[in-house]
Protein backbone atom coordinates (compact mmCIF):
# COMPACT_ATOMS: atom_id res chain seq x y z
CA GLU A 1 -16.00 -16.88 11.17
CA MET A 2 -12.84 -15.07 11.50
CA LYS A 3 -11.14 -13.62 8.38
CA THR A 4 -7.61 -14.35 7.76
CA ASP A 5 -5.12 -11.35 7.65
CA LEU A 6 -4.85 -11.67 3.78
CA GLU A 7 -8.59 -11.40 3.54
CA LEU A 8 -8.62 -8.58 5.82
CA ALA A 9 -5.70 -6.79 3.88
CA LEU A 10 -7.43 -7.32 0.51
CA GLU A 11 -10.69 -6.15 1.81
CA CYS A 12 -9.02 -3.19 3.18
CA ALA A 13 -7.08 -2.39 0.00
CA ILE A 14 -10.43 -2.40 -2.03
CA ASN A 15 -12.31 -0.32 0.51
CA ILE A 16 -9.51 2.31 0.53
CA TYR A 17 -9.54 2.31 -3.41
CA HIS A 18 -13.13 2.92 -3.55
CA HIS A 19 -13.13 5.41 -0.58
CA TYR A 20 -10.84 7.58 -2.73
CA ALA A 21 -11.87 6.59 -6.44
CA ILE A 22 -15.39 8.08 -5.71
CA ARG A 23 -14.54 11.56 -5.04
CA ASN A 24 -15.06 11.77 -8.61
CA PRO A 25 -18.27 9.76 -8.59
CA MET A 26 -18.42 9.48 -12.22
CA ASP A 27 -15.92 7.03 -12.42
CA ASP A 28 -14.48 4.06 -10.71
CA TYR A 29 -10.88 5.31 -11.06
CA LEU A 30 -8.15 7.08 -9.14
CA SER A 31 -6.89 10.35 -10.64
CA ARG A 32 -3.30 11.06 -9.57
CA ASN A 33 -4.56 13.70 -7.12
CA GLU A 34 -6.93 11.02 -5.38
CA PHE A 35 -4.13 8.81 -5.54
CA ALA A 36 -1.53 11.12 -3.93
CA THR A 37 -4.29 12.08 -1.35
CA LEU A 38 -4.77 8.15 -0.46
CA LEU A 39 -1.02 7.59 -0.06
CA LYS A 40 -0.46 10.84 1.99
CA GLU A 41 -3.27 9.78 4.34
CA ASN A 42 -2.62 6.10 4.58
CA ALA A 43 1.12 5.53 3.73
CA LYS A 44 3.15 8.11 5.57
CA PRO A 45 6.61 6.84 4.79
CA PHE A 46 5.86 7.43 1.15
CA LEU A 47 5.11 11.01 1.05
CA ALA A 48 7.56 12.10 -1.24
CA ASP A 49 5.75 13.83 -4.30
CA THR A 50 8.38 12.59 -6.75
CA TYR A 51 7.95 8.97 -5.34
CA ILE A 52 4.17 9.37 -5.78
CA LYS A 53 4.61 10.59 -9.34
CA GLN A 54 6.90 7.80 -10.34
CA LEU A 55 4.53 5.33 -8.67
CA PHE A 56 1.64 6.51 -10.55
CA ALA A 57 3.44 6.70 -13.99
CA LYS A 58 4.72 3.08 -13.44
CA SER A 59 1.37 1.84 -12.65
CA ASP A 60 -0.77 3.93 -15.24
CA SER A 61 0.19 1.32 -17.82
CA ASN A 62 -2.33 2.41 -20.43
CA HIS A 63 -1.39 6.21 -19.76
CA ASP A 64 -4.71 7.58 -19.29
CA GLY A 65 -3.73 9.57 -16.19
CA ARG A 66 -5.82 7.39 -13.90
CA LEU A 67 -5.60 4.26 -12.09
CA LYS A 68 -8.16 1.38 -12.61
CA PHE A 69 -8.13 -1.02 -9.77
CA THR A 70 -5.84 -3.43 -11.28
CA GLU A 71 -3.30 -0.60 -11.95
CA PHE A 72 -3.69 0.57 -8.31
CA LEU A 73 -3.05 -3.06 -7.16
CA THR A 74 0.28 -2.57 -9.03
CA THR A 75 1.03 0.65 -7.13
CA LEU A 76 0.39 -1.36 -3.79
CA SER A 77 2.57 -4.31 -4.62
CA LEU A 78 5.29 -1.71 -5.62
CA VAL A 79 5.00 0.11 -2.03
CA ALA A 80 4.77 -3.15 -0.48
CA ILE A 81 7.92 -4.28 -1.92
CA ASP A 82 9.61 -1.04 -1.10
CA ALA A 83 8.57 -1.34 2.63
CA HIS A 84 9.60 -4.96 2.70
CA ASN A 85 13.00 -3.91 1.26
CA ARG A 86 13.11 -1.00 3.82
CA SER A 87 12.35 -3.37 6.73
CA HIS A 88 15.51 -5.19 6.02
CA LYS A 89 17.83 -2.36 5.71
CA LYS A 90 17.46 -0.87 9.20
CA PRO A 91 18.91 -3.39 11.59
CA GLY A 92 17.28 -3.17 15.13
CA ASP A 93 14.16 -1.51 14.36
CA HIS A 94 11.29 -2.96 16.66
CA GLY A 95 14.05 -5.57 17.67
CA HIS A 96 13.12 -7.91 15.16
CA ASP A 97 16.60 -8.48 13.59
CA HIS A 98 16.85 -12.16 13.94
CA GLY A 99 18.37 -12.81 10.74
CA HIS A 100 15.09 -12.86 8.80
CA GLY A 101 15.53 -16.22 7.22
CA HIS A 102 11.70 -16.12 6.49
CA ASP A 103 10.94 -18.93 8.79
CA HIS A 104 7.96 -17.08 10.11
CA GLY A 105 7.06 -19.87 12.55
CA HIS A 106 8.08 -18.22 15.64
CA GLY A 107 4.87 -16.50 16.77
CA HIS A 108 5.56 -12.88 15.99
CA SER A 109 2.62 -11.45 14.18
CA HIS A 110 3.98 -8.75 11.57
CA SER A 111 1.57 -6.31 12.34
CA HIS A 112 3.51 -3.43 10.78
CA GLY A 113 1.51 -0.29 11.89
CA HIS A 114 -1.35 -0.20 9.86
CA GLY A 115 -2.78 3.43 11.11
CA PRO A 116 -6.37 3.73 12.17
CA HIS A 117 -9.06 1.77 10.71
CA HIS A 118 -11.54 4.26 9.14
C-alpha cells in the first residue's frame, strides 16, 4: 500500500539520522561534525556554521556534545519551523502567495524540493 507523505518523511528522517550517526559506529549518536555534515548535505539553506552550532546547542539538551535521536528530532522541528517561517516571508516565490490561510484544500502538493533521495 502507498505510504503517506508523513510516513515517508518520518522514515526519511530516521534513515538520514542513521546514515550519519553510524559514521562513528560505536554509538547511535550524532556528533556535532556528523550533524553539520548531515545539514550541509541535506539542508542547503541552513549552511551557516553559526546556525548549525546554535541549533546543535539548543538541541543537545543534556549537553553531552552529541545528539540522541530524540534530540535530533528537536533540531528537525526547529529547522522545519524556520523553513516554514521563511516560506511566508518571501512573497511570490514559486507563485504560491495565495494569502496562506492554511486551507490546504486546493490540490497543490507542497513538495518543497527534497533533494535527491539516496
